[in-house]
Amino acid sequence: MDGQYLHITIVLELIELMSASSKPADSAGDATSSPEDTASSQPLSKDTIFHILQVQRRRLTLQYLHGRTGSVSLRDLAEQVAAWENEMSVVELSSKERQRAYISLYQTHLPTLDKEGIIEYDQDRGTIKRTPRADQFDPYLFDTVPQDSSESSTDNALNHRWERYYLGGTLFSTSLLGAKLLQLPLVSQLSSQLIIPTILSVFSILTAGHYYTRSVLSESNPIEKVAQLFSRRGRSK
């Protein structure tokens, strides 16, 4: 009996040792899985983000996946990317345009995004799923910078001003033509060869002035722009 009891005791101690040794192994398994989860949540460097975004098809891919929580097919993605690239609808795409985008995404761009943890790409099934790391690209894909209210109000004021200018030119031209047709005094003595160039000159001056204030000078405050230009010239002298 003593020998049998001793044998049972040894067996129980071995079982306890085996169970104790299995706990560190489980914790080690948790330790090996957590770094992957931690790495996937780490922010990408700006160099990596800009490297990803420098290719148009990768930008369009991220735009297509934006807001999609489930998996999408490679075929649907390639068709939409090709449509955006060629500025047409998916129905209007040719088979060559579809194939070009499909092969490029399949072989190059999707594996690159998957390697960086931006998407989950199952190449065998042809499915793509966006990961939380893709959120880091949203500020670069979409214009979220609000417009300055002061600039907006000044810009609207300039637009209204030029609308009045064009309206005045239209009224002047219409009145001139109407007076000519009605043979009103003074205007009736003007020839049509003089009236038409006059009307064209009016709208040419308006168009040139509008272009100059919108493109050459500052859109928000052209007068201030001219003042700054002359002040810089004075300092340089």
Protein backbone atom coordinates (compact mmCIF):
# COMPACT_ATOMS: atom_id res chain seq x y z
CA MET A 1 0.00 0.00 0.00
CA ASP A 2 2.81 2.38 0.82
CA GLY A 3 4.34 1.79 -2.58
CA GLN A 4 1.03 2.32 -4.29
CA TYR A 5 0.39 5.51 -2.31
CA LEU A 6 3.83 6.77 -3.21
CA HIS A 7 3.18 6.05 -6.86
CA ILE A 8 -0.11 7.99 -6.77
CA THR A 9 1.59 10.94 -5.06
CA ILE A 10 4.29 11.07 -7.72
CA VAL A 11 1.67 10.99 -10.47
CA LEU A 12 -0.26 13.88 -8.86
CA GLU A 13 2.91 15.96 -8.53
CA LEU A 14 3.73 15.36 -12.17
CA ILE A 15 0.24 16.50 -13.16
CA GLU A 16 0.64 19.69 -11.12
CA LEU A 17 3.99 20.39 -12.72
CA MET A 18 2.56 19.90 -16.20
CA SER A 19 -0.38 22.21 -15.51
CA ALA A 20 1.94 24.85 -14.06
CA SER A 21 4.22 24.68 -17.07
CA SER A 22 1.30 25.07 -19.47
CA LYS A 23 0.30 28.46 -17.99
CA PRO A 24 3.48 30.30 -19.00
CA ALA A 25 3.13 28.79 -22.45
CA ASP A 26 -0.37 30.25 -22.74
CA SER A 27 0.84 33.61 -21.51
CA ALA A 28 3.70 33.46 -23.97
CA GLY A 29 1.16 32.79 -26.72
CA ASP A 30 -0.74 35.89 -25.66
CA ALA A 31 2.50 37.83 -25.64
CA THR A 32 3.26 36.78 -29.21
CA SER A 33 -0.18 37.84 -30.46
CA SER A 34 -0.31 41.19 -28.72
CA PRO A 35 2.68 42.74 -30.49
CA GLU A 36 0.95 42.14 -33.84
CA ASP A 37 -2.17 43.89 -32.63
CA THR A 38 -0.05 46.70 -31.21
CA ALA A 39 1.90 47.05 -34.46
CA SER A 40 -1.29 47.27 -36.53
CA SER A 41 -2.49 50.18 -34.41
CA GLN A 42 0.79 52.11 -34.59
CA PRO A 43 0.67 55.26 -36.75
CA LEU A 44 2.50 55.20 -40.05
CA SER A 45 5.31 57.63 -40.68
CA LYS A 46 4.67 60.56 -43.00
CA ASP A 47 7.23 59.20 -45.44
CA THR A 48 5.25 55.97 -45.67
CA ILE A 49 1.95 57.82 -46.05
CA PHE A 50 3.30 60.04 -48.82
CA HIS A 51 4.90 57.05 -50.53
CA ILE A 52 1.54 55.30 -50.58
CA LEU A 53 -0.33 58.37 -51.81
CA GLN A 54 2.06 59.26 -54.60
CA VAL A 55 0.40 56.63 -56.84
CA GLN A 56 -3.03 57.58 -58.14
CA ARG A 57 -4.44 54.06 -58.13
CA ARG A 58 -3.59 53.63 -54.47
CA ARG A 59 -5.29 56.94 -53.67
CA LEU A 60 -8.39 55.91 -55.60
CA THR A 61 -8.39 52.55 -53.84
CA LEU A 62 -8.38 54.21 -50.43
CA GLN A 63 -11.13 56.56 -51.54
CA TYR A 64 -13.24 53.64 -52.72
CA LEU A 65 -12.75 51.79 -49.41
CA HIS A 66 -13.52 54.84 -47.31
CA GLY A 67 -16.59 54.23 -45.15
CA ARG A 68 -16.86 50.55 -46.13
CA THR A 69 -16.73 48.17 -43.18
CA GLY A 70 -17.09 44.89 -45.06
CA SER A 71 -15.06 43.19 -47.76
CA VAL A 72 -15.26 44.29 -51.38
CA SER A 73 -14.39 42.34 -54.48
CA LEU A 74 -11.30 43.09 -56.52
CA ARG A 75 -13.42 43.21 -59.66
CA ASP A 76 -15.71 45.96 -58.34
CA LEU A 77 -12.75 47.92 -57.04
CA ALA A 78 -10.82 47.68 -60.32
CA GLU A 79 -13.84 48.75 -62.38
CA GLN A 80 -14.48 51.82 -60.24
CA VAL A 81 -10.81 52.82 -60.18
CA ALA A 82 -10.63 52.50 -63.96
CA ALA A 83 -13.81 54.57 -64.34
CA TRP A 84 -12.39 57.35 -62.16
CA GLU A 85 -9.10 57.32 -64.04
CA ASN A 86 -10.79 57.66 -67.43
CA GLU A 87 -13.52 60.04 -66.17
CA MET A 88 -16.39 57.87 -67.35
CA SER A 89 -18.95 55.48 -65.94
CA VAL A 90 -18.28 51.80 -65.31
CA VAL A 91 -20.62 50.86 -68.16
CA GLU A 92 -18.57 52.88 -70.65
CA LEU A 93 -15.29 51.15 -69.80
CA SER A 94 -13.63 48.93 -72.37
CA SER A 95 -12.30 45.50 -71.50
CA LYS A 96 -8.74 46.76 -71.95
CA GLU A 97 -9.25 49.58 -69.45
CA ARG A 98 -10.76 47.18 -66.91
CA GLN A 99 -7.96 44.66 -67.36
CA ARG A 100 -5.22 47.27 -67.04
CA ALA A 101 -6.52 48.46 -63.66
CA TYR A 102 -7.26 44.92 -62.46
CA ILE A 103 -3.77 43.55 -63.16
CA SER A 104 -2.04 46.57 -61.67
CA LEU A 105 -4.05 46.38 -58.45
CA TYR A 106 -3.75 42.60 -58.23
CA GLN A 107 0.01 42.38 -58.70
CA THR A 108 1.37 45.60 -57.22
CA HIS A 109 -0.78 48.07 -55.35
CA LEU A 110 -2.99 45.85 -53.21
CA PRO A 111 -0.04 43.74 -51.97
CA THR A 112 1.71 46.99 -51.03
CA LEU A 113 -1.27 48.21 -49.02
CA ASP A 114 -1.64 44.80 -47.41
CA LYS A 115 2.04 44.70 -46.42
CA GLU A 116 1.67 48.02 -44.60
CA GLY A 117 -1.43 46.77 -42.74
CA ILE A 118 -3.69 49.30 -44.45
CA ILE A 119 -5.96 46.65 -45.94
CA GLU A 120 -6.58 42.92 -45.57
CA TYR A 121 -6.08 41.47 -49.04
CA ASP A 122 -7.05 37.88 -49.80
CA GLN A 123 -5.41 37.36 -53.16
CA ASP A 124 -6.87 33.89 -53.67
CA ARG A 125 -10.46 34.96 -53.07
CA GLY A 126 -10.01 38.41 -54.59
CA THR A 127 -11.41 40.31 -51.60
CA ILE A 128 -10.21 43.48 -49.92
CA LYS A 129 -11.13 44.87 -46.52
CA ARG A 130 -10.16 48.18 -45.03
CA THR A 131 -8.33 48.21 -41.67
CA PRO A 132 -8.33 50.93 -38.98
CA ARG A 133 -4.85 51.97 -40.11
CA ALA A 134 -6.43 53.34 -43.31
CA ASP A 135 -8.01 56.12 -41.24
CA GLN A 136 -4.63 57.85 -41.19
CA PHE A 137 -5.02 58.65 -44.89
CA ASP A 138 -8.38 60.42 -44.63
CA PRO A 139 -6.96 63.92 -44.00
CA TYR A 140 -4.92 63.60 -47.21
CA LEU A 141 -7.70 62.13 -49.36
CA PHE A 142 -10.46 64.57 -48.52
CA ASP A 143 -10.44 68.33 -48.09
CA THR A 144 -11.50 68.91 -44.50
CA VAL A 145 -9.97 72.38 -44.06
CA PRO A 146 -12.77 74.91 -43.46
CA GLN A 147 -12.77 78.03 -45.56
CA ASP A 148 -12.01 81.31 -43.84
CA SER A 149 -15.26 83.22 -43.38
CA SER A 150 -13.61 86.58 -44.06
CA GLU A 151 -12.18 85.32 -47.36
CA SER A 152 -15.53 83.80 -48.27
CA SER A 153 -17.43 87.04 -47.64
CA THR A 154 -14.89 89.08 -49.63
CA ASP A 155 -15.04 86.63 -52.49
CA ASN A 156 -18.84 86.78 -52.56
CA ALA A 157 -18.71 90.58 -52.59
CA LEU A 158 -16.40 90.54 -55.60
CA ASN A 159 -18.67 88.11 -57.42
CA HIS A 160 -21.70 90.32 -56.84
CA ARG A 161 -19.75 93.34 -58.01
CA TRP A 162 -18.79 91.68 -61.29
CA GLU A 163 -22.37 90.49 -61.77
CA ARG A 164 -23.46 94.12 -61.66
CA TYR A 165 -20.73 95.05 -64.14
CA TYR A 166 -21.88 92.40 -66.61
CA LEU A 167 -25.49 93.39 -66.08
CA GLY A 168 -24.61 97.01 -66.82
CA GLY A 169 -22.77 96.01 -69.99
CA THR A 170 -25.75 93.96 -71.12
CA LEU A 171 -28.21 96.79 -70.48
CA PHE A 172 -25.98 99.24 -72.32
CA SER A 173 -25.67 96.96 -75.34
CA THR A 174 -29.39 96.20 -75.41
CA SER A 175 -30.29 99.88 -75.13
CA LEU A 176 -27.88 100.78 -77.91
CA LEU A 177 -29.30 98.16 -80.27
CA GLY A 178 -32.87 99.09 -79.34
CA ALA A 179 -32.24 102.76 -79.99
CA LYS A 180 -30.75 101.91 -83.37
CA LEU A 181 -33.74 99.78 -84.34
CA LEU A 182 -36.19 102.46 -83.20
CA GLN A 183 -34.21 105.13 -85.06
CA LEU A 184 -33.93 107.34 -82.01
CA PRO A 185 -32.12 110.67 -82.34
CA LEU A 186 -28.32 110.60 -82.26
CA VAL A 187 -28.14 106.80 -82.20
CA SER A 188 -29.89 106.50 -85.56
CA GLN A 189 -27.01 108.35 -87.14
CA LEU A 190 -24.53 105.68 -85.98
CA SER A 191 -23.81 102.91 -88.44
CA SER A 192 -24.11 99.22 -87.55
CA GLN A 193 -20.42 98.82 -88.30
CA LEU A 194 -19.71 101.13 -85.36
CA ILE A 195 -22.30 99.76 -82.92
CA ILE A 196 -21.19 96.12 -83.10
CA PRO A 197 -17.49 96.85 -82.37
CA THR A 198 -18.59 99.10 -79.50
CA ILE A 199 -20.58 96.27 -77.88
CA LEU A 200 -17.72 93.81 -78.40
CA SER A 201 -15.30 96.28 -76.85
CA VAL A 202 -17.48 96.66 -73.76
CA PHE A 203 -17.58 92.93 -73.05
CA SER A 204 -13.92 92.50 -73.93
CA ILE A 205 -12.99 95.12 -71.33
CA LEU A 206 -15.24 93.49 -68.73
CA THR A 207 -13.78 90.05 -69.40
CA ALA A 208 -10.19 91.28 -69.28
CA GLY A 209 -10.81 93.18 -66.05
CA HIS A 210 -12.51 90.17 -64.46
CA TYR A 211 -9.65 87.88 -65.41
CA TYR A 212 -7.06 90.34 -64.13
CA THR A 213 -8.65 90.75 -60.71
CA ARG A 214 -9.23 87.00 -60.28
CA SER A 215 -5.97 85.61 -61.61
CA VAL A 216 -3.25 88.24 -61.52
CA LEU A 217 -4.28 90.00 -58.32
CA SER A 218 -5.29 88.39 -55.07
CA GLU A 219 -8.79 86.91 -55.14
CA SER A 220 -9.60 88.12 -51.64
CA ASN A 221 -8.35 91.71 -51.82
CA PRO A 222 -6.83 92.96 -55.10
CA ILE A 223 -6.31 96.50 -53.79
CA GLU A 224 -4.28 95.23 -50.86
CA LYS A 225 -2.24 93.08 -53.25
CA VAL A 226 -1.29 96.12 -55.34
CA ALA A 227 -0.34 98.07 -52.23
CA GLN A 228 1.90 95.24 -51.05
CA LEU A 229 3.51 95.04 -54.47
CA PHE A 230 4.44 98.73 -54.51
CA SER A 231 5.64 98.64 -50.90
CA ARG A 232 8.01 95.76 -51.74
CA ARG A 233 9.37 97.69 -54.70
CA GLY A 234 9.97 100.72 -52.48
CA ARG A 235 11.89 98.67 -49.94
CA SER A 236 13.97 97.04 -52.64
CA LYS A 237 15.02 100.43 -53.96
